[in-house]
C-alpha atoms as a PDB file:
ATOM      1  CA  MET A   1     -41.145 -37.928 -41.515  1.00  0.00           C
ATOM      2  CA  PRO A   2     -42.334 -38.097 -37.916  1.00  0.00           C
ATOM      3  CA  ALA A   3     -39.815 -39.486 -35.400  1.00  0.00           C
ATOM      4  CA  ILE A   4     -39.590 -40.384 -31.723  1.00  0.00           C
ATOM      5  CA  ASN A   5     -36.755 -40.297 -29.204  1.00  0.00           C
ATOM      6  CA  ILE A   6     -36.594 -43.154 -26.685  1.00  0.00           C
ATOM      7  CA  GLU A   7     -34.321 -43.370 -23.718  1.00  0.00           C
ATOM      8  CA  PHE A   8     -32.736 -46.710 -22.634  1.00  0.00           C
ATOM      9  CA  THR A   9     -30.470 -47.795 -19.879  1.00  0.00           C
ATOM     10  CA  VAL A  10     -27.002 -48.797 -20.916  1.00  0.00           C
ATOM     11  CA  GLU A  11     -27.912 -52.460 -20.394  1.00  0.00           C
ATOM     12  CA  GLU A  12     -31.114 -52.180 -22.411  1.00  0.00           C
ATOM     13  CA  LEU A  13     -29.266 -50.489 -25.210  1.00  0.00           C
ATOM     14  CA  GLU A  14     -26.618 -53.184 -25.367  1.00  0.00           C
ATOM     15  CA  ARG A  15     -29.276 -55.897 -25.544  1.00  0.00           C
ATOM     16  CA  ILE A  16     -31.075 -54.031 -28.325  1.00  0.00           C
ATOM     17  CA  LYS A  17     -27.812 -53.487 -30.267  1.00  0.00           C
ATOM     18  CA  ALA A  18     -26.975 -57.171 -30.002  1.00  0.00           C
ATOM     19  CA  ARG A  19     -30.431 -58.209 -31.188  1.00  0.00           C
ATOM     20  CA  ALA A  20     -30.362 -55.784 -34.128  1.00  0.00           C
ATOM     21  CA  ALA A  21     -26.919 -57.062 -35.105  1.00  0.00           C
ATOM     22  CA  SER A  22     -28.063 -60.668 -34.903  1.00  0.00           C
ATOM     23  CA  ALA A  23     -30.909 -59.772 -37.295  1.00  0.00           C
ATOM     24  CA  ASN A  24     -28.486 -57.943 -39.581  1.00  0.00           C
ATOM     25  CA  LYS A  25     -30.450 -54.725 -39.110  1.00  0.00           C
ATOM     26  CA  SER A  26     -29.491 -51.220 -38.132  1.00  0.00           C
ATOM     27  CA  MET A  27     -30.727 -50.079 -34.756  1.00  0.00           C
ATOM     28  CA  ARG A  28     -33.221 -47.719 -36.511  1.00  0.00           C
ATOM     29  CA  ALA A  29     -34.592 -50.548 -38.706  1.00  0.00           C
ATOM     30  CA  HIS A  30     -34.825 -52.937 -35.809  1.00  0.00           C
ATOM     31  CA  ALA A  31     -36.604 -50.438 -33.552  1.00  0.00           C
ATOM     32  CA  HIS A  32     -38.989 -49.506 -36.305  1.00  0.00           C
ATOM     33  CA  ASP A  33     -39.809 -53.140 -37.012  1.00  0.00           C
ATOM     34  CA  VAL A  34     -40.296 -54.037 -33.341  1.00  0.00           C
ATOM     35  CA  LEU A  35     -42.681 -51.135 -32.740  1.00  0.00           C
ATOM     36  CA  VAL A  36     -44.707 -51.725 -35.905  1.00  0.00           C
ATOM     37  CA  ASP A  37     -44.868 -55.477 -35.334  1.00  0.00           C
ATOM     38  CA  GLU A  38     -46.120 -54.901 -31.753  1.00  0.00           C
ATOM     39  CA  ALA A  39     -48.853 -52.489 -32.899  1.00  0.00           C
ATOM     40  CA  ASP A  40     -49.906 -55.006 -35.608  1.00  0.00           C
ATOM     41  CA  ARG A  41     -49.904 -57.869 -33.061  1.00  0.00           C
ATOM     42  CA  LEU A  42     -52.115 -55.892 -30.676  1.00  0.00           C
ATOM     43  CA  ALA A  43     -54.574 -54.990 -33.482  1.00  0.00           C
ATOM     44  CA  PHE A  44     -54.795 -58.693 -34.429  1.00  0.00           C
ATOM     45  CA  VAL A  45     -55.393 -59.800 -30.839  1.00  0.00           C
ATOM     46  CA  GLU A  46     -58.075 -57.138 -30.396  1.00  0.00           C
ATOM     47  CA  GLY A  47     -59.768 -58.137 -33.599  1.00  0.00           C
ATOM     48  CA  ALA A  48     -59.628 -61.845 -32.798  1.00  0.00           C
ATOM     49  CA  THR A  49     -61.039 -61.187 -29.374  1.00  0.00           C
ATOM     50  CA  ALA A  50     -63.957 -59.244 -30.797  1.00  0.00           C
ATOM     51  CA  ILE A  51     -64.745 -62.068 -33.225  1.00  0.00           C
ATOM     52  CA  ALA A  52     -64.509 -64.671 -30.430  1.00  0.00           C
ATOM     53  CA  ARG A  53     -66.917 -62.641 -28.254  1.00  0.00           C
ATOM     54  CA  ARG A  54     -69.451 -62.481 -31.122  1.00  0.00           C
ATOM     55  CA  MET A  55     -69.087 -66.210 -31.865  1.00  0.00           C
ATOM     56  CA  LEU A  56     -68.984 -67.600 -28.343  1.00  0.00           C
ATOM     57  CA  PRO A  57     -72.755 -67.400 -27.541  1.00  0.00           C
ATOM     58  CA  HIS A  58     -73.570 -69.217 -30.738  1.00  0.00           C
ATOM     59  CA  ALA A  59     -70.946 -71.922 -30.100  1.00  0.00           C
ATOM     60  CA  LEU A  60     -72.155 -72.426 -26.522  1.00  0.00           C
ATOM     61  CA  ALA A  61     -75.763 -72.748 -27.709  1.00  0.00           C
ATOM     62  CA  GLU A  62     -74.852 -75.027 -30.616  1.00  0.00           C
ATOM     63  CA  PHE A  63     -72.688 -77.478 -28.699  1.00  0.00           C
ATOM     64  CA  PRO A  64     -73.953 -78.843 -25.383  1.00  0.00           C
ATOM     65  CA  GLU A  65     -71.528 -79.011 -22.389  1.00  0.00           C
ATOM     66  CA  GLY A  66     -70.420 -82.650 -23.192  1.00  0.00           C
ATOM     67  CA  GLN A  67     -69.495 -81.812 -26.775  1.00  0.00           C
ATOM     68  CA  ARG A  68     -67.169 -78.893 -25.955  1.00  0.00           C
END
């Protein structure tokens, strides 16, 4: 399975360890989940932005300035 190595400062690592512990996760599981969640969040935002750009001209034409 592919893997990555990431370097952290001592302070960063302590914060990450504390967050993983508070979520009852191992460091590996926590790091995995954070990275995958961020990739999914970015994909959602990009998709939503693309849809909004397609819909905006129609919405502006459909609803006059006073109705927006």
